[in-house]
Amino acid sequence: MAETETQTHDDIKALTFEQALDALEKIVDDLERGDVPLDQSIRIYERGEALKAHCEKLLKAAEDKVEKIRLSRDGKPAGVEPLDPE
């Protein structure tokens, strides 16, 4: 992978889930239109794969947080345990 492609994919790490999902939807729209040159289609498809992986990672982290919530006897949240570091 070229250095500029690595830098392009590195910026994904800073995106929120919503930002990454919006970018992924734009890529899907661009590819579905079919008017993107082949070499550009390949590059944006690769970026789409990186965005998809980032969204999956953020969703997994959110699921982990929800699972860590402990309920007290009266059904109210008693606290949240921090996520285990990866």
PDB file of N, CA and C in Angstrom:
ATOM      1  N   MET A   1       0.854  -1.182   0.000  1.00  0.00           N
ATOM      2  CA  MET A   1       0.000   0.000   0.000  1.00  0.00           C
ATOM      3  C   MET A   1       0.892   1.235   0.000  1.00  0.00           C
ATOM      4  N   ALA A   2       0.568   2.191  -0.817  1.00  0.00           N
ATOM      5  CA  ALA A   2       1.342   3.414  -0.917  1.00  0.00           C
ATOM      6  C   ALA A   2       1.198   4.242   0.347  1.00  0.00           C
ATOM      7  N   GLU A   3       2.165   5.113   0.571  1.00  0.00           N
ATOM      8  CA  GLU A   3       2.142   5.938   1.780  1.00  0.00           C
ATOM      9  C   GLU A   3       0.894   6.802   1.855  1.00  0.00           C
ATOM     10  N   THR A   4       0.463   7.380   0.730  1.00  0.00           N
ATOM     11  CA  THR A   4      -0.732   8.231   0.764  1.00  0.00           C
ATOM     12  C   THR A   4      -1.974   7.413   1.095  1.00  0.00           C
ATOM     13  N   GLU A   5      -2.029   6.143   0.639  1.00  0.00           N
ATOM     14  CA  GLU A   5      -3.161   5.298   0.968  1.00  0.00           C
ATOM     15  C   GLU A   5      -3.167   4.977   2.454  1.00  0.00           C
ATOM     16  N   THR A   6      -1.997   4.721   3.029  1.00  0.00           N
ATOM     17  CA  THR A   6      -1.894   4.462   4.463  1.00  0.00           C
ATOM     18  C   THR A   6      -2.355   5.679   5.242  1.00  0.00           C
ATOM     19  N   GLN A   7      -1.917   6.849   4.847  1.00  0.00           N
ATOM     20  CA  GLN A   7      -2.328   8.072   5.517  1.00  0.00           C
ATOM     21  C   GLN A   7      -3.832   8.266   5.388  1.00  0.00           C
ATOM     22  N   THR A   8      -4.389   7.960   4.223  1.00  0.00           N
ATOM     23  CA  THR A   8      -5.822   8.101   3.999  1.00  0.00           C
ATOM     24  C   THR A   8      -6.588   7.188   4.940  1.00  0.00           C
ATOM     25  N   HIS A   9      -6.116   5.958   5.110  1.00  0.00           N
ATOM     26  CA  HIS A   9      -6.798   5.016   5.989  1.00  0.00           C
ATOM     27  C   HIS A   9      -6.551   5.341   7.457  1.00  0.00           C
ATOM     28  N   ASP A  10      -5.421   5.927   7.788  1.00  0.00           N
ATOM     29  CA  ASP A  10      -5.131   6.300   9.176  1.00  0.00           C
ATOM     30  C   ASP A  10      -6.102   7.357   9.684  1.00  0.00           C
ATOM     31  N   ASP A  11      -6.593   8.219   8.812  1.00  0.00           N
ATOM     32  CA  ASP A  11      -7.523   9.262   9.256  1.00  0.00           C
ATOM     33  C   ASP A  11      -8.862   8.681   9.696  1.00  0.00           C
ATOM     34  N   ILE A  12      -9.149   7.475   9.278  1.00  0.00           N
ATOM     35  CA  ILE A  12     -10.414   6.837   9.637  1.00  0.00           C
ATOM     36  C   ILE A  12     -10.497   6.611  11.140  1.00  0.00           C
ATOM     37  N   LYS A  13      -9.370   6.332  11.781  1.00  0.00           N
ATOM     38  CA  LYS A  13      -9.348   6.062  13.219  1.00  0.00           C
ATOM     39  C   LYS A  13      -9.916   7.213  14.045  1.00  0.00           C
ATOM     40  N   ALA A  14      -9.857   8.424  13.533  1.00  0.00           N
ATOM     41  CA  ALA A  14     -10.333   9.599  14.265  1.00  0.00           C
ATOM     42  C   ALA A  14     -11.826   9.862  14.053  1.00  0.00           C
ATOM     43  N   LEU A  15     -12.464   9.122  13.142  1.00  0.00           N
ATOM     44  CA  LEU A  15     -13.869   9.364  12.819  1.00  0.00           C
ATOM     45  C   LEU A  15     -14.785   8.755  13.871  1.00  0.00           C
ATOM     46  N   THR A  16     -15.888   9.450  14.123  1.00  0.00           N
ATOM     47  CA  THR A  16     -16.936   8.874  14.960  1.00  0.00           C
ATOM     48  C   THR A  16     -17.661   7.819  14.130  1.00  0.00           C
ATOM     49  N   PHE A  17     -18.493   7.035  14.791  1.00  0.00           N
ATOM     50  CA  PHE A  17     -19.265   6.020  14.082  1.00  0.00           C
ATOM     51  C   PHE A  17     -20.121   6.666  13.000  1.00  0.00           C
ATOM     52  N   GLU A  18     -20.794   7.760  13.356  1.00  0.00           N
ATOM     53  CA  GLU A  18     -21.686   8.425  12.411  1.00  0.00           C
ATOM     54  C   GLU A  18     -20.920   8.974  11.209  1.00  0.00           C
ATOM     55  N   GLN A  19     -19.745   9.565  11.450  1.00  0.00           N
ATOM     56  CA  GLN A  19     -18.937  10.094  10.349  1.00  0.00           C
ATOM     57  C   GLN A  19     -18.466   8.970   9.431  1.00  0.00           C
ATOM     58  N   ALA A  20     -18.022   7.873  10.016  1.00  0.00           N
ATOM     59  CA  ALA A  20     -17.548   6.742   9.222  1.00  0.00           C
ATOM     60  C   ALA A  20     -18.691   6.132   8.417  1.00  0.00           C
ATOM     61  N   LEU A  21     -19.856   6.024   9.024  1.00  0.00           N
ATOM     62  CA  LEU A  21     -21.009   5.463   8.321  1.00  0.00           C
ATOM     63  C   LEU A  21     -21.432   6.363   7.162  1.00  0.00           C
ATOM     64  N   ASP A  22     -21.425   7.674   7.370  1.00  0.00           N
ATOM     65  CA  ASP A  22     -21.749   8.613   6.284  1.00  0.00           C
ATOM     66  C   ASP A  22     -20.765   8.472   5.127  1.00  0.00           C
ATOM     67  N   ALA A  23     -19.472   8.376   5.451  1.00  0.00           N
ATOM     68  CA  ALA A  23     -18.445   8.225   4.413  1.00  0.00           C
ATOM     69  C   ALA A  23     -18.632   6.902   3.666  1.00  0.00           C
ATOM     70  N   LEU A  24     -18.964   5.853   4.399  1.00  0.00           N
ATOM     71  CA  LEU A  24     -19.193   4.548   3.778  1.00  0.00           C
ATOM     72  C   LEU A  24     -20.402   4.587   2.857  1.00  0.00           C
ATOM     73  N   GLU A  25     -21.464   5.255   3.277  1.00  0.00           N
ATOM     74  CA  GLU A  25     -22.662   5.377   2.431  1.00  0.00           C
ATOM     75  C   GLU A  25     -22.352   6.146   1.152  1.00  0.00           C
ATOM     76  N   LYS A  26     -21.517   7.167   1.244  1.00  0.00           N
ATOM     77  CA  LYS A  26     -21.131   7.928   0.045  1.00  0.00           C
ATOM     78  C   LYS A  26     -20.349   7.040  -0.929  1.00  0.00           C
ATOM     79  N   ILE A  27     -19.456   6.226  -0.378  1.00  0.00           N
ATOM     80  CA  ILE A  27     -18.682   5.319  -1.223  1.00  0.00           C
ATOM     81  C   ILE A  27     -19.607   4.339  -1.935  1.00  0.00           C
ATOM     82  N   VAL A  28     -20.554   3.778  -1.210  1.00  0.00           N
ATOM     83  CA  VAL A  28     -21.505   2.842  -1.818  1.00  0.00           C
ATOM     84  C   VAL A  28     -22.279   3.530  -2.936  1.00  0.00           C
ATOM     85  N   ASP A  29     -22.742   4.755  -2.680  1.00  0.00           N
ATOM     86  CA  ASP A  29     -23.469   5.505  -3.709  1.00  0.00           C
ATOM     87  C   ASP A  29     -22.598   5.728  -4.941  1.00  0.00           C
ATOM     88  N   ASP A  30     -21.340   6.127  -4.724  1.00  0.00           N
ATOM     89  CA  ASP A  30     -20.420   6.374  -5.845  1.00  0.00           C
ATOM     90  C   ASP A  30     -20.201   5.104  -6.665  1.00  0.00           C
ATOM     91  N   LEU A  31     -20.000   3.984  -5.978  1.00  0.00           N
ATOM     92  CA  LEU A  31     -19.756   2.727  -6.688  1.00  0.00           C
ATOM     93  C   LEU A  31     -21.009   2.240  -7.411  1.00  0.00           C
ATOM     94  N   GLU A  32     -22.165   2.434  -6.807  1.00  0.00           N
ATOM     95  CA  GLU A  32     -23.409   2.003  -7.443  1.00  0.00           C
ATOM     96  C   GLU A  32     -23.735   2.805  -8.698  1.00  0.00           C
ATOM     97  N   ARG A  33     -23.320   4.074  -8.714  1.00  0.00           N
ATOM     98  CA  ARG A  33     -23.561   4.902  -9.908  1.00  0.00           C
ATOM     99  C   ARG A  33     -22.818   4.337 -11.109  1.00  0.00           C
ATOM    100  N   GLY A  34     -21.647   3.773 -10.854  1.00  0.00           N
ATOM    101  CA  GLY A  34     -20.883   3.143 -11.923  1.00  0.00           C
ATOM    102  C   GLY A  34     -20.131   4.090 -12.833  1.00  0.00           C
ATOM    103  N   ASP A  35     -20.045   5.359 -12.487  1.00  0.00           N
ATOM    104  CA  ASP A  35     -19.349   6.305 -13.352  1.00  0.00           C
ATOM    105  C   ASP A  35     -17.956   6.664 -12.823  1.00  0.00           C
ATOM    106  N   VAL A  36     -17.445   5.856 -11.905  1.00  0.00           N
ATOM    107  CA  VAL A  36     -16.121   6.090 -11.332  1.00  0.00           C
ATOM    108  C   VAL A  36     -15.126   5.216 -12.097  1.00  0.00           C
ATOM    109  N   PRO A  37     -13.987   5.781 -12.523  1.00  0.00           N
ATOM    110  CA  PRO A  37     -12.984   4.982 -13.224  1.00  0.00           C
ATOM    111  C   PRO A  37     -12.529   3.788 -12.377  1.00  0.00           C
ATOM    112  N   LEU A  38     -12.129   2.720 -13.053  1.00  0.00           N
ATOM    113  CA  LEU A  38     -11.788   1.474 -12.371  1.00  0.00           C
ATOM    114  C   LEU A  38     -10.722   1.655 -11.297  1.00  0.00           C
ATOM    115  N   ASP A  39      -9.632   2.345 -11.601  1.00  0.00           N
ATOM    116  CA  ASP A  39      -8.561   2.502 -10.602  1.00  0.00           C
ATOM    117  C   ASP A  39      -9.059   3.269  -9.376  1.00  0.00           C
ATOM    118  N   GLN A  40      -9.896   4.263  -9.584  1.00  0.00           N
ATOM    119  CA  GLN A  40     -10.468   5.009  -8.464  1.00  0.00           C
ATOM    120  C   GLN A  40     -11.474   4.143  -7.704  1.00  0.00           C
ATOM    121  N   SER A  41     -12.231   3.320  -8.422  1.00  0.00           N
ATOM    122  CA  SER A  41     -13.182   2.415  -7.778  1.00  0.00           C
ATOM    123  C   SER A  41     -12.473   1.476  -6.815  1.00  0.00           C
ATOM    124  N   ILE A  42     -11.326   0.971  -7.231  1.00  0.00           N
ATOM    125  CA  ILE A  42     -10.555   0.067  -6.376  1.00  0.00           C
ATOM    126  C   ILE A  42     -10.093   0.795  -5.122  1.00  0.00           C
ATOM    127  N   ARG A  43      -9.594   2.012  -5.278  1.00  0.00           N
ATOM    128  CA  ARG A  43      -9.120   2.787  -4.119  1.00  0.00           C
ATOM    129  C   ARG A  43     -10.257   3.097  -3.153  1.00  0.00           C
ATOM    130  N   ILE A  44     -11.401   3.514  -3.683  1.00  0.00           N
ATOM    131  CA  ILE A  44     -12.494   3.860  -2.765  1.00  0.00           C
ATOM    132  C   ILE A  44     -13.120   2.611  -2.159  1.00  0.00           C
ATOM    133  N   TYR A  45     -13.067   1.483  -2.877  1.00  0.00           N
ATOM    134  CA  TYR A  45     -13.544   0.223  -2.299  1.00  0.00           C
ATOM    135  C   TYR A  45     -12.666  -0.161  -1.108  1.00  0.00           C
ATOM    136  N   GLU A  46     -11.345  -0.017  -1.270  1.00  0.00           N
ATOM    137  CA  GLU A  46     -10.434  -0.317  -0.162  1.00  0.00           C
ATOM    138  C   GLU A  46     -10.702   0.596   1.030  1.00  0.00           C
ATOM    139  N   ARG A  47     -10.965   1.858   0.762  1.00  0.00           N
ATOM    140  CA  ARG A  47     -11.300   2.787   1.850  1.00  0.00           C
ATOM    141  C   ARG A  47     -12.622   2.367   2.505  1.00  0.00           C
ATOM    142  N   GLY A  48     -13.566   1.931   1.688  1.00  0.00           N
ATOM    143  CA  GLY A  48     -14.835   1.451   2.221  1.00  0.00           C
ATOM    144  C   GLY A  48     -14.649   0.260   3.153  1.00  0.00           C
ATOM    145  N   GLU A  49     -13.759  -0.638   2.791  1.00  0.00           N
ATOM    146  CA  GLU A  49     -13.463  -1.784   3.658  1.00  0.00           C
ATOM    147  C   GLU A  49     -12.874  -1.313   4.985  1.00  0.00           C
ATOM    148  N   ALA A  50     -11.995  -0.319   4.938  1.00  0.00           N
ATOM    149  CA  ALA A  50     -11.406   0.221   6.171  1.00  0.00           C
ATOM    150  C   ALA A  50     -12.477   0.920   7.020  1.00  0.00           C
ATOM    151  N   LEU A  51     -13.383   1.636   6.370  1.00  0.00           N
ATOM    152  CA  LEU A  51     -14.476   2.297   7.090  1.00  0.00           C
ATOM    153  C   LEU A  51     -15.401   1.272   7.732  1.00  0.00           C
ATOM    154  N   LYS A  52     -15.698   0.204   7.011  1.00  0.00           N
ATOM    155  CA  LYS A  52     -16.558  -0.861   7.535  1.00  0.00           C
ATOM    156  C   LYS A  52     -15.923  -1.493   8.769  1.00  0.00           C
ATOM    157  N   ALA A  53     -14.633  -1.772   8.706  1.00  0.00           N
ATOM    158  CA  ALA A  53     -13.936  -2.369   9.850  1.00  0.00           C
ATOM    159  C   ALA A  53     -13.956  -1.424  11.049  1.00  0.00           C
ATOM    160  N   HIS A  54     -13.787  -0.129  10.788  1.00  0.00           N
ATOM    161  CA  HIS A  54     -13.813   0.862  11.871  1.00  0.00           C
ATOM    162  C   HIS A  54     -15.199   0.908  12.514  1.00  0.00           C
ATOM    163  N   CYS A  55     -16.252   0.896  11.706  1.00  0.00           N
ATOM    164  CA  CYS A  55     -17.617   0.902  12.236  1.00  0.00           C
ATOM    165  C   CYS A  55     -17.869  -0.348  13.081  1.00  0.00           C
ATOM    166  N   GLU A  56     -17.417  -1.495  12.601  1.00  0.00           N
ATOM    167  CA  GLU A  56     -17.586  -2.739  13.353  1.00  0.00           C
ATOM    168  C   GLU A  56     -16.860  -2.675  14.690  1.00  0.00           C
ATOM    169  N   LYS A  57     -15.667  -2.102  14.700  1.00  0.00           N
ATOM    170  CA  LYS A  57     -14.894  -1.973  15.938  1.00  0.00           C
ATOM    171  C   LYS A  57     -15.625  -1.068  16.936  1.00  0.00           C
ATOM    172  N   LEU A  58     -16.153   0.052  16.450  1.00  0.00           N
ATOM    173  CA  LEU A  58     -16.874   0.970  17.329  1.00  0.00           C
ATOM    174  C   LEU A  58     -18.163   0.344  17.861  1.00  0.00           C
ATOM    175  N   LEU A  59     -18.856  -0.420  17.026  1.00  0.00           N
ATOM    176  CA  LEU A  59     -20.073  -1.099  17.482  1.00  0.00           C
ATOM    177  C   LEU A  59     -19.749  -2.147  18.540  1.00  0.00           C
ATOM    178  N   LYS A  60     -18.666  -2.881  18.334  1.00  0.00           N
ATOM    179  CA  LYS A  60     -18.250  -3.889  19.312  1.00  0.00           C
ATOM    180  C   LYS A  60     -17.908  -3.227  20.641  1.00  0.00           C
ATOM    181  N   ALA A  61     -17.228  -2.096  20.594  1.00  0.00           N
ATOM    182  CA  ALA A  61     -16.891  -1.381  21.828  1.00  0.00           C
ATOM    183  C   ALA A  61     -18.159  -0.923  22.544  1.00  0.00           C
ATOM    184  N   ALA A  62     -19.148  -0.459  21.791  1.00  0.00           N
ATOM    185  CA  ALA A  62     -20.411  -0.033  22.397  1.00  0.00           C
ATOM    186  C   ALA A  62     -21.138  -1.218  23.019  1.00  0.00           C
ATOM    187  N   GLU A  63     -21.137  -2.344  22.328  1.00  0.00           N
ATOM    188  CA  GLU A  63     -21.764  -3.544  22.874  1.00  0.00           C
ATOM    189  C   GLU A  63     -21.071  -3.982  24.163  1.00  0.00           C
ATOM    190  N   ASP A  64     -19.749  -3.910  24.174  1.00  0.00           N
ATOM    191  CA  ASP A  64     -18.987  -4.276  25.369  1.00  0.00           C
ATOM    192  C   ASP A  64     -19.344  -3.375  26.538  1.00  0.00           C
ATOM    193  N   LYS A  65     -19.512  -2.087  26.279  1.00  0.00           N
ATOM    194  CA  LYS A  65     -19.887  -1.154  27.348  1.00  0.00           C
ATOM    195  C   LYS A  65     -21.251  -1.500  27.917  1.00  0.00           C
ATOM    196  N   VAL A  66     -22.195  -1.815  27.031  1.00  0.00           N
ATOM    197  CA  VAL A  66     -23.539  -2.154  27.483  1.00  0.00           C
ATOM    198  C   VAL A  66     -23.501  -3.413  28.350  1.00  0.00           C
ATOM    199  N   GLU A  67     -22.707  -4.392  27.948  1.00  0.00           N
ATOM    200  CA  GLU A  67     -22.604  -5.625  28.710  1.00  0.00           C
ATOM    201  C   GLU A  67     -21.965  -5.412  30.076  1.00  0.00           C
ATOM    202  N   LYS A  68     -21.161  -4.387  30.219  1.00  0.00           N
ATOM    203  CA  LYS A  68     -20.466  -4.126  31.481  1.00  0.00           C
ATOM    204  C   LYS A  68     -21.354  -3.418  32.504  1.00  0.00           C
ATOM    205  N   ILE A  69     -22.492  -2.903  32.051  1.00  0.00           N
ATOM    206  CA  ILE A  69     -23.377  -2.191  32.980  1.00  0.00           C
ATOM    207  C   ILE A  69     -23.945  -3.197  33.976  1.00  0.00           C
ATOM    208  N   ARG A  70     -23.827  -2.877  35.218  1.00  0.00           N
ATOM    209  CA  ARG A  70     -24.352  -3.736  36.278  1.00  0.00           C
ATOM    210  C   ARG A  70     -25.633  -3.115  36.833  1.00  0.00           C
ATOM    211  N   LEU A  71     -26.612  -3.943  37.106  1.00  0.00           N
ATOM    212  CA  LEU A  71     -27.868  -3.459  37.657  1.00  0.00           C
ATOM    213  C   LEU A  71     -27.923  -3.763  39.148  1.00  0.00           C
ATOM    214  N   SER A  72     -28.447  -2.806  39.902  1.00  0.00           N
ATOM    215  CA  SER A  72     -28.648  -3.015  41.329  1.00  0.00           C
ATOM    216  C   SER A  72     -29.905  -3.859  41.537  1.00  0.00           C
ATOM    217  N   ARG A  73     -30.227  -4.190  42.755  1.00  0.00           N
ATOM    218  CA  ARG A  73     -31.398  -5.030  43.046  1.00  0.00           C
ATOM    219  C   ARG A  73     -32.696  -4.394  42.579  1.00  0.00           C
ATOM    220  N   ASP A  74     -32.768  -3.066  42.567  1.00  0.00           N
ATOM    221  CA  ASP A  74     -34.004  -2.409  42.136  1.00  0.00           C
ATOM    222  C   ASP A  74     -34.044  -2.150  40.625  1.00  0.00           C
ATOM    223  N   GLY A  75     -33.063  -2.686  39.896  1.00  0.00           N
ATOM    224  CA  GLY A  75     -33.067  -2.584  38.447  1.00  0.00           C
ATOM    225  C   GLY A  75     -32.422  -1.334  37.884  1.00  0.00           C
ATOM    226  N   LYS A  76     -31.837  -0.522  38.765  1.00  0.00           N
ATOM    227  CA  LYS A  76     -31.179   0.701  38.299  1.00  0.00           C
ATOM    228  C   LYS A  76     -29.693   0.430  38.091  1.00  0.00           C
ATOM    229  N   PRO A  77     -29.074   1.116  37.118  1.00  0.00           N
ATOM    230  CA  PRO A  77     -27.636   0.908  36.909  1.00  0.00           C
ATOM    231  C   PRO A  77     -26.849   1.233  38.168  1.00  0.00           C
ATOM    232  N   ALA A  78     -26.000   0.306  38.560  1.00  0.00           N
ATOM    233  CA  ALA A  78     -25.185   0.498  39.756  1.00  0.00           C
ATOM    234  C   ALA A  78     -23.819   1.051  39.396  1.00  0.00           C
ATOM    235  N   GLY A  79     -23.482   1.060  38.151  1.00  0.00           N
ATOM    236  CA  GLY A  79     -22.185   1.561  37.714  1.00  0.00           C
ATOM    237  C   GLY A  79     -21.749   0.869  36.460  1.00  0.00           C
ATOM    238  N   VAL A  80     -20.754   1.407  35.869  1.00  0.00           N
ATOM    239  CA  VAL A  80     -20.215   0.851  34.642  1.00  0.00           C
ATOM    240  C   VAL A  80     -18.754   0.531  34.881  1.00  0.00           C
ATOM    241  N   GLU A  81     -18.373  -0.691  34.542  1.00  0.00           N
ATOM    242  CA  GLU A  81     -16.976  -1.079  34.657  1.00  0.00           C
ATOM    243  C   GLU A  81     -16.240  -0.598  33.403  1.00  0.00           C
ATOM    244  N   PRO A  82     -15.003  -0.170  33.542  1.00  0.00           N
ATOM    245  CA  PRO A  82     -14.254   0.226  32.343  1.00  0.00           C
ATOM    246  C   PRO A  82     -14.011  -0.963  31.443  1.00  0.00           C
ATOM    247  N   LEU A  83     -13.902  -0.687  30.149  1.00  0.00           N
ATOM    248  CA  LEU A  83     -13.610  -1.742  29.191  1.00  0.00           C
ATOM    249  C   LEU A  83     -12.189  -2.247  29.417  1.00  0.00           C
ATOM    250  N   ASP A  84     -11.993  -3.519  29.157  1.00  0.00           N
ATOM    251  CA  ASP A  84     -10.649  -4.074  29.223  1.00  0.00           C
ATOM    252  C   ASP A  84      -9.859  -3.518  28.049  1.00  0.00           C
ATOM    253  N   PRO A  85      -8.617  -3.079  28.287  1.00  0.00           N
ATOM    254  CA  PRO A  85      -7.824  -2.570  27.155  1.00  0.00           C
ATOM    255  C   PRO A  85      -7.491  -3.703  26.193  1.00  0.00           C
ATOM    256  N   GLU A  86      -7.416  -3.366  24.913  1.00  0.00           N
ATOM    257  CA  GLU A  86      -7.123  -4.373  23.891  1.00  0.00           C
ATOM    258  C   GLU A  86      -5.657  -4.668  23.849  1.00  0.00           C
TER     259      GLU A  86
END
